[in-house]
Amino acid sequence: MIKIYLAEDQTMLNSALKMILELEPDFTVVGTATDGEQACTEIKNLQPDVVILDIEMPKQSGLVVAQTIRQQDLPIKIVILTTFARSNYFQTAIKARVNGYLLKDSPSDSLISAIRSIMQGNVVFDPQLVAGVLHEVDNPLSKRELEVLQALEKTATTKELATQLYLSEGTIRNYISAILSKTGTSSRLDAVNLAHQKGWL
């Protein structure tokens, strides 16, 4: 029997997930929480096989709970289940050595099969998130350069850009030169188009 603990701050979703998971003959939900602090305490006491964590919860986020489980060296599989397809959340989860990261709009069958796969020693990550991280790894531009590039889509002149971003025109020109050099493009429009194709913007 696979013992599962659920931490989800939406009570209705928590109850629905519990019902769905307990329809499986080899699953049992040993506890639920609606905030991260409660989850941390109960997970340590209950020692489930798998915890399913939402990210944005009161008191402590699911990512903090995951980090705590790893710091305490508990032999527990961790699955993040969230609405947020944000690469920064995903990368934080990877650093916390989670075993799965799924989005809430995935079918319930995906979660069930993911749990079984994870219990067999596999990791299961939503393909959309993996693709997003790969795009970022390929991205040679700094955060500030991306801001300039984004502003370039709506603003034609260097002067307007400088005003909008509170920078001097010389600084803007330097940023644009660096963007063209790093992307290997010959015009602002080409740089913007390339950034969209690569998923950087």
C-alpha atoms as a PDB file:
ATOM      1  CA  MET A   1       0.000   0.000   0.000  1.00  0.00           C
ATOM      2  CA  ILE A   2       1.354   3.439  -0.971  1.00  0.00           C
ATOM      3  CA  LYS A   3       0.832   5.966   1.816  1.00  0.00           C
ATOM      4  CA  ILE A   4       0.154   9.491   0.521  1.00  0.00           C
ATOM      5  CA  TYR A   5       0.027  12.853   2.274  1.00  0.00           C
ATOM      6  CA  LEU A   6      -1.736  15.827   0.632  1.00  0.00           C
ATOM      7  CA  ALA A   7      -0.944  19.497   1.282  1.00  0.00           C
ATOM      8  CA  GLU A   8      -3.229  21.847  -0.655  1.00  0.00           C
ATOM      9  CA  ASP A   9      -4.678  25.106   0.661  1.00  0.00           C
ATOM     10  CA  GLN A  10      -7.921  24.820  -1.343  1.00  0.00           C
ATOM     11  CA  THR A  11     -10.089  22.634   0.861  1.00  0.00           C
ATOM     12  CA  MET A  12     -12.382  21.507  -1.959  1.00  0.00           C
ATOM     13  CA  LEU A  13      -9.468  20.452  -4.160  1.00  0.00           C
ATOM     14  CA  ASN A  14      -7.847  18.701  -1.194  1.00  0.00           C
ATOM     15  CA  SER A  15     -11.021  16.666  -0.623  1.00  0.00           C
ATOM     16  CA  ALA A  16     -11.441  15.905  -4.329  1.00  0.00           C
ATOM     17  CA  LEU A  17      -7.842  14.717  -4.671  1.00  0.00           C
ATOM     18  CA  LYS A  18      -8.213  12.523  -1.593  1.00  0.00           C
ATOM     19  CA  MET A  19     -11.319  10.887  -3.039  1.00  0.00           C
ATOM     20  CA  ILE A  20      -9.701  10.321  -6.452  1.00  0.00           C
ATOM     21  CA  LEU A  21      -6.511   8.836  -5.013  1.00  0.00           C
ATOM     22  CA  GLU A  22      -8.330   6.536  -2.598  1.00  0.00           C
ATOM     23  CA  LEU A  23     -10.242   4.972  -5.491  1.00  0.00           C
ATOM     24  CA  GLU A  24      -6.958   3.259  -6.343  1.00  0.00           C
ATOM     25  CA  PRO A  25      -6.682  -0.089  -4.524  1.00  0.00           C
ATOM     26  CA  ASP A  26      -3.005   0.399  -3.663  1.00  0.00           C
ATOM     27  CA  PHE A  27      -3.264   4.039  -2.456  1.00  0.00           C
ATOM     28  CA  THR A  28      -4.203   5.328   0.976  1.00  0.00           C
ATOM     29  CA  VAL A  29      -4.216   9.004   2.013  1.00  0.00           C
ATOM     30  CA  VAL A  30      -2.833   9.133   5.551  1.00  0.00           C
ATOM     31  CA  GLY A  31      -3.282  12.886   6.092  1.00  0.00           C
ATOM     32  CA  THR A  32      -4.083  16.263   4.579  1.00  0.00           C
ATOM     33  CA  ALA A  33      -3.137  19.861   5.357  1.00  0.00           C
ATOM     34  CA  THR A  34      -4.161  23.300   4.121  1.00  0.00           C
ATOM     35  CA  ASP A  35      -0.962  25.096   5.176  1.00  0.00           C
ATOM     36  CA  GLY A  36       2.733  24.326   4.954  1.00  0.00           C
ATOM     37  CA  GLU A  37       3.444  24.502   8.683  1.00  0.00           C
ATOM     38  CA  GLN A  38       0.844  21.852   9.512  1.00  0.00           C
ATOM     39  CA  ALA A  39       2.134  19.749   6.632  1.00  0.00           C
ATOM     40  CA  CYS A  40       5.736  19.842   7.923  1.00  0.00           C
ATOM     41  CA  THR A  41       4.720  18.657  11.400  1.00  0.00           C
ATOM     42  CA  GLU A  42       2.394  15.901  10.238  1.00  0.00           C
ATOM     43  CA  ILE A  43       4.682  14.598   7.482  1.00  0.00           C
ATOM     44  CA  LYS A  44       7.464  14.050  10.002  1.00  0.00           C
ATOM     45  CA  ASN A  45       5.089  12.191  12.346  1.00  0.00           C
ATOM     46  CA  LEU A  46       3.177  10.174   9.743  1.00  0.00           C
ATOM     47  CA  GLN A  47       6.163   9.230   7.530  1.00  0.00           C
ATOM     48  CA  PRO A  48       4.166   8.762   4.280  1.00  0.00           C
ATOM     49  CA  ASP A  49       5.717   7.231   1.174  1.00  0.00           C
ATOM     50  CA  VAL A  50       4.730  10.205  -0.994  1.00  0.00           C
ATOM     51  CA  VAL A  51       3.788  13.808  -0.278  1.00  0.00           C
ATOM     52  CA  ILE A  52       1.875  15.907  -2.792  1.00  0.00           C
ATOM     53  CA  LEU A  53       2.526  19.601  -2.230  1.00  0.00           C
ATOM     54  CA  ASP A  54       0.936  22.743  -3.583  1.00  0.00           C
ATOM     55  CA  ILE A  55       3.419  25.623  -3.855  1.00  0.00           C
ATOM     56  CA  GLU A  56       1.548  28.695  -2.633  1.00  0.00           C
ATOM     57  CA  MET A  57       0.151  27.839   0.803  1.00  0.00           C
ATOM     58  CA  PRO A  58      -0.238  29.853   4.025  1.00  0.00           C
ATOM     59  CA  LYS A  59       2.574  29.918   6.611  1.00  0.00           C
ATOM     60  CA  GLN A  60       5.038  27.908   4.489  1.00  0.00           C
ATOM     61  CA  SER A  61       5.155  27.273   0.755  1.00  0.00           C
ATOM     62  CA  GLY A  62       5.300  23.794  -0.680  1.00  0.00           C
ATOM     63  CA  LEU A  63       8.868  24.478  -1.798  1.00  0.00           C
ATOM     64  CA  VAL A  64       9.900  25.242   1.802  1.00  0.00           C
ATOM     65  CA  VAL A  65       8.195  22.029   2.949  1.00  0.00           C
ATOM     66  CA  ALA A  66      10.111  20.098   0.270  1.00  0.00           C
ATOM     67  CA  GLN A  67      13.403  21.670   1.388  1.00  0.00           C
ATOM     68  CA  THR A  68      12.632  20.797   5.028  1.00  0.00           C
ATOM     69  CA  ILE A  69      11.922  17.157   4.142  1.00  0.00           C
ATOM     70  CA  ARG A  70      15.278  16.938   2.384  1.00  0.00           C
ATOM     71  CA  GLN A  71      17.124  18.694   5.224  1.00  0.00           C
ATOM     72  CA  GLN A  72      15.661  16.181   7.664  1.00  0.00           C
ATOM     73  CA  ASP A  73      16.762  13.366   5.344  1.00  0.00           C
ATOM     74  CA  LEU A  74      13.321  11.743   5.426  1.00  0.00           C
ATOM     75  CA  PRO A  75      12.903   8.819   2.971  1.00  0.00           C
ATOM     76  CA  ILE A  76       9.875  10.408   1.310  1.00  0.00           C
ATOM     77  CA  LYS A  77       9.070  10.953  -2.356  1.00  0.00           C
ATOM     78  CA  ILE A  78       7.991  14.540  -3.116  1.00  0.00           C
ATOM     79  CA  VAL A  79       5.547  15.606  -5.827  1.00  0.00           C
ATOM     80  CA  ILE A  80       4.816  19.276  -6.495  1.00  0.00           C
ATOM     81  CA  LEU A  81       1.302  19.804  -7.894  1.00  0.00           C
ATOM     82  CA  THR A  82       0.690  23.428  -8.840  1.00  0.00           C
ATOM     83  CA  THR A  83      -1.048  25.822 -11.196  1.00  0.00           C
ATOM     84  CA  PHE A  84       2.227  27.715 -11.717  1.00  0.00           C
ATOM     85  CA  ALA A  85       4.299  26.840 -14.785  1.00  0.00           C
ATOM     86  CA  ARG A  86       7.064  29.192 -13.642  1.00  0.00           C
ATOM     87  CA  SER A  87      10.599  28.134 -14.406  1.00  0.00           C
ATOM     88  CA  ASN A  88      11.970  29.777 -11.235  1.00  0.00           C
ATOM     89  CA  TYR A  89       9.609  27.644  -9.098  1.00  0.00           C
ATOM     90  CA  PHE A  90      10.558  24.573 -11.105  1.00  0.00           C
ATOM     91  CA  GLN A  91      14.280  25.209 -10.704  1.00  0.00           C
ATOM     92  CA  THR A  92      13.873  25.720  -6.943  1.00  0.00           C
ATOM     93  CA  ALA A  93      11.992  22.417  -6.803  1.00  0.00           C
ATOM     94  CA  ILE A  94      14.792  20.684  -8.720  1.00  0.00           C
ATOM     95  CA  LYS A  95      17.317  22.005  -6.178  1.00  0.00           C
ATOM     96  CA  ALA A  96      15.118  20.535  -3.424  1.00  0.00           C
ATOM     97  CA  ARG A  97      15.427  17.181  -5.241  1.00  0.00           C
ATOM     98  CA  VAL A  98      11.703  16.673  -5.774  1.00  0.00           C
ATOM     99  CA  ASN A  99      10.661  13.481  -7.561  1.00  0.00           C
ATOM    100  CA  GLY A 100       7.817  14.988  -9.549  1.00  0.00           C
ATOM    101  CA  TYR A 101       6.484  18.357 -10.685  1.00  0.00           C
ATOM    102  CA  LEU A 102       3.037  18.372 -12.302  1.00  0.00           C
ATOM    103  CA  LEU A 103       0.489  21.008 -13.214  1.00  0.00           C
ATOM    104  CA  LYS A 104      -3.036  20.967 -11.814  1.00  0.00           C
ATOM    105  CA  ASP A 105      -4.611  21.050 -15.248  1.00  0.00           C
ATOM    106  CA  SER A 106      -3.117  17.617 -15.961  1.00  0.00           C
ATOM    107  CA  PRO A 107      -5.612  14.710 -15.988  1.00  0.00           C
ATOM    108  CA  SER A 108      -5.951  12.831 -12.680  1.00  0.00           C
ATOM    109  CA  ASP A 109      -4.703   9.685 -14.452  1.00  0.00           C
ATOM    110  CA  SER A 110      -1.395  11.493 -15.041  1.00  0.00           C
ATOM    111  CA  LEU A 111      -0.975  12.092 -11.308  1.00  0.00           C
ATOM    112  CA  ILE A 112      -1.840   8.487 -10.481  1.00  0.00           C
ATOM    113  CA  SER A 113       0.600   7.056 -13.021  1.00  0.00           C
ATOM    114  CA  ALA A 114       3.247   9.579 -11.910  1.00  0.00           C
ATOM    115  CA  ILE A 115       2.973   8.420  -8.294  1.00  0.00           C
ATOM    116  CA  ARG A 116       3.433   4.784  -9.317  1.00  0.00           C
ATOM    117  CA  SER A 117       6.363   5.669 -11.563  1.00  0.00           C
ATOM    118  CA  ILE A 118       8.005   7.736  -8.818  1.00  0.00           C
ATOM    119  CA  MET A 119       7.627   4.876  -6.334  1.00  0.00           C
ATOM    120  CA  GLN A 120       9.588   2.738  -8.806  1.00  0.00           C
ATOM    121  CA  GLY A 121      12.475   5.215  -8.642  1.00  0.00           C
ATOM    122  CA  ASN A 122      11.693   7.448 -11.613  1.00  0.00           C
ATOM    123  CA  VAL A 123      11.285  11.220 -11.771  1.00  0.00           C
ATOM    124  CA  VAL A 124       8.286  12.764 -13.526  1.00  0.00           C
ATOM    125  CA  PHE A 125       8.333  16.391 -14.683  1.00  0.00           C
ATOM    126  CA  ASP A 126       5.743  18.197 -16.781  1.00  0.00           C
ATOM    127  CA  PRO A 127       7.172  18.513 -20.338  1.00  0.00           C
ATOM    128  CA  GLN A 128       6.048  22.169 -20.559  1.00  0.00           C
ATOM    129  CA  LEU A 129       8.288  23.058 -17.613  1.00  0.00           C
ATOM    130  CA  VAL A 130      11.273  21.142 -18.917  1.00  0.00           C
ATOM    131  CA  ALA A 131      10.958  22.921 -22.276  1.00  0.00           C
ATOM    132  CA  GLY A 132      10.816  26.293 -20.513  1.00  0.00           C
ATOM    133  CA  VAL A 133      14.007  25.611 -18.562  1.00  0.00           C
ATOM    134  CA  LEU A 134      15.816  24.434 -21.703  1.00  0.00           C
ATOM    135  CA  HIS A 135      14.856  27.699 -23.409  1.00  0.00           C
ATOM    136  CA  GLU A 136      16.290  29.644 -20.490  1.00  0.00           C
ATOM    137  CA  VAL A 137      19.531  27.680 -20.480  1.00  0.00           C
ATOM    138  CA  ASP A 138      19.931  28.606 -24.138  1.00  0.00           C
ATOM    139  CA  ASN A 139      19.268  32.281 -23.394  1.00  0.00           C
ATOM    140  CA  PRO A 140      22.452  34.404 -23.518  1.00  0.00           C
ATOM    141  CA  LEU A 141      20.717  37.636 -22.455  1.00  0.00           C
ATOM    142  CA  SER A 142      20.740  39.168 -18.981  1.00  0.00           C
ATOM    143  CA  LYS A 143      17.530  40.140 -17.216  1.00  0.00           C
ATOM    144  CA  ARG A 144      18.139  43.815 -18.024  1.00  0.00           C
ATOM    145  CA  GLU A 145      18.840  43.049 -21.688  1.00  0.00           C
ATOM    146  CA  LEU A 146      15.552  41.148 -21.861  1.00  0.00           C
ATOM    147  CA  GLU A 147      13.762  44.186 -20.391  1.00  0.00           C
ATOM    148  CA  VAL A 148      15.311  46.385 -23.077  1.00  0.00           C
ATOM    149  CA  LEU A 149      14.365  43.872 -25.770  1.00  0.00           C
ATOM    150  CA  GLN A 150      10.789  43.702 -24.507  1.00  0.00           C
ATOM    151  CA  ALA A 151      10.564  47.496 -24.541  1.00  0.00           C
ATOM    152  CA  LEU A 152      11.924  47.506 -28.110  1.00  0.00           C
ATOM    153  CA  GLU A 153       8.747  45.784 -29.279  1.00  0.00           C
ATOM    154  CA  LYS A 154       6.641  48.819 -28.371  1.00  0.00           C
ATOM    155  CA  THR A 155       9.082  51.713 -28.620  1.00  0.00           C
ATOM    156  CA  ALA A 156      10.796  52.781 -31.826  1.00  0.00           C
ATOM    157  CA  THR A 157      13.379  55.322 -30.712  1.00  0.00           C
ATOM    158  CA  THR A 158      16.361  55.134 -28.381  1.00  0.00           C
ATOM    159  CA  LYS A 159      15.190  58.332 -26.686  1.00  0.00           C
ATOM    160  CA  GLU A 160      11.793  56.840 -25.862  1.00  0.00           C
ATOM    161  CA  LEU A 161      13.454  53.694 -24.567  1.00  0.00           C
ATOM    162  CA  ALA A 162      15.778  55.711 -22.347  1.00  0.00           C
ATOM    163  CA  THR A 163      12.829  57.624 -20.873  1.00  0.00           C
ATOM    164  CA  GLN A 164      10.791  54.480 -20.327  1.00  0.00           C
ATOM    165  CA  LEU A 165      13.618  52.542 -18.627  1.00  0.00           C
ATOM    166  CA  TYR A 166      15.143  55.521 -16.774  1.00  0.00           C
ATOM    167  CA  LEU A 167      18.496  55.068 -18.517  1.00  0.00           C
ATOM    168  CA  SER A 168      20.670  57.322 -20.663  1.00  0.00           C
ATOM    169  CA  GLU A 169      20.505  57.031 -24.447  1.00  0.00           C
ATOM    170  CA  GLY A 170      24.144  55.925 -24.461  1.00  0.00           C
ATOM    171  CA  THR A 171      23.381  53.087 -22.061  1.00  0.00           C
ATOM    172  CA  ILE A 172      20.418  52.007 -24.188  1.00  0.00           C
ATOM    173  CA  ARG A 173      22.645  51.961 -27.293  1.00  0.00           C
ATOM    174  CA  ASN A 174      25.173  49.814 -25.407  1.00  0.00           C
ATOM    175  CA  TYR A 175      22.441  47.360 -24.389  1.00  0.00           C
ATOM    176  CA  ILE A 176      21.118  47.131 -27.951  1.00  0.00           C
ATOM    177  CA  SER A 177      24.632  46.535 -29.280  1.00  0.00           C
ATOM    178  CA  ALA A 178      25.167  43.757 -26.703  1.00  0.00           C
ATOM    179  CA  ILE A 179      21.782  42.191 -27.570  1.00  0.00           C
ATOM    180  CA  LEU A 180      22.575  42.125 -31.308  1.00  0.00           C
ATOM    181  CA  SER A 181      26.021  40.696 -30.632  1.00  0.00           C
ATOM    182  CA  LYS A 182      24.804  37.960 -28.254  1.00  0.00           C
ATOM    183  CA  THR A 183      21.901  36.903 -30.478  1.00  0.00           C
ATOM    184  CA  GLY A 184      23.858  37.133 -33.719  1.00  0.00           C
ATOM    185  CA  THR A 185      21.165  39.299 -35.271  1.00  0.00           C
ATOM    186  CA  SER A 186      21.592  42.409 -37.401  1.00  0.00           C
ATOM    187  CA  SER A 187      18.515  44.428 -36.430  1.00  0.00           C
ATOM    188  CA  ARG A 188      16.305  45.129 -33.419  1.00  0.00           C
ATOM    189  CA  LEU A 189      13.345  43.458 -35.122  1.00  0.00           C
ATOM    190  CA  ASP A 190      15.364  40.311 -35.821  1.00  0.00           C
ATOM    191  CA  ALA A 191      16.461  40.196 -32.170  1.00  0.00           C
ATOM    192  CA  VAL A 192      12.864  40.526 -30.939  1.00  0.00           C
ATOM    193  CA  ASN A 193      11.644  37.839 -33.363  1.00  0.00           C
ATOM    194  CA  LEU A 194      14.440  35.462 -32.352  1.00  0.00           C
ATOM    195  CA  ALA A 195      13.672  35.985 -28.650  1.00  0.00           C
ATOM    196  CA  HIS A 196      10.021  35.053 -29.254  1.00  0.00           C
ATOM    197  CA  GLN A 197      10.971  31.983 -31.306  1.00  0.00           C
ATOM    198  CA  LYS A 198      13.277  30.787 -28.513  1.00  0.00           C
ATOM    199  CA  GLY A 199      10.714  31.502 -25.784  1.00  0.00           C
ATOM    200  CA  TRP A 200      12.891  34.087 -24.018  1.00  0.00           C
ATOM    201  CA  LEU A 201      10.119  36.701 -24.162  1.00  0.00           C
END
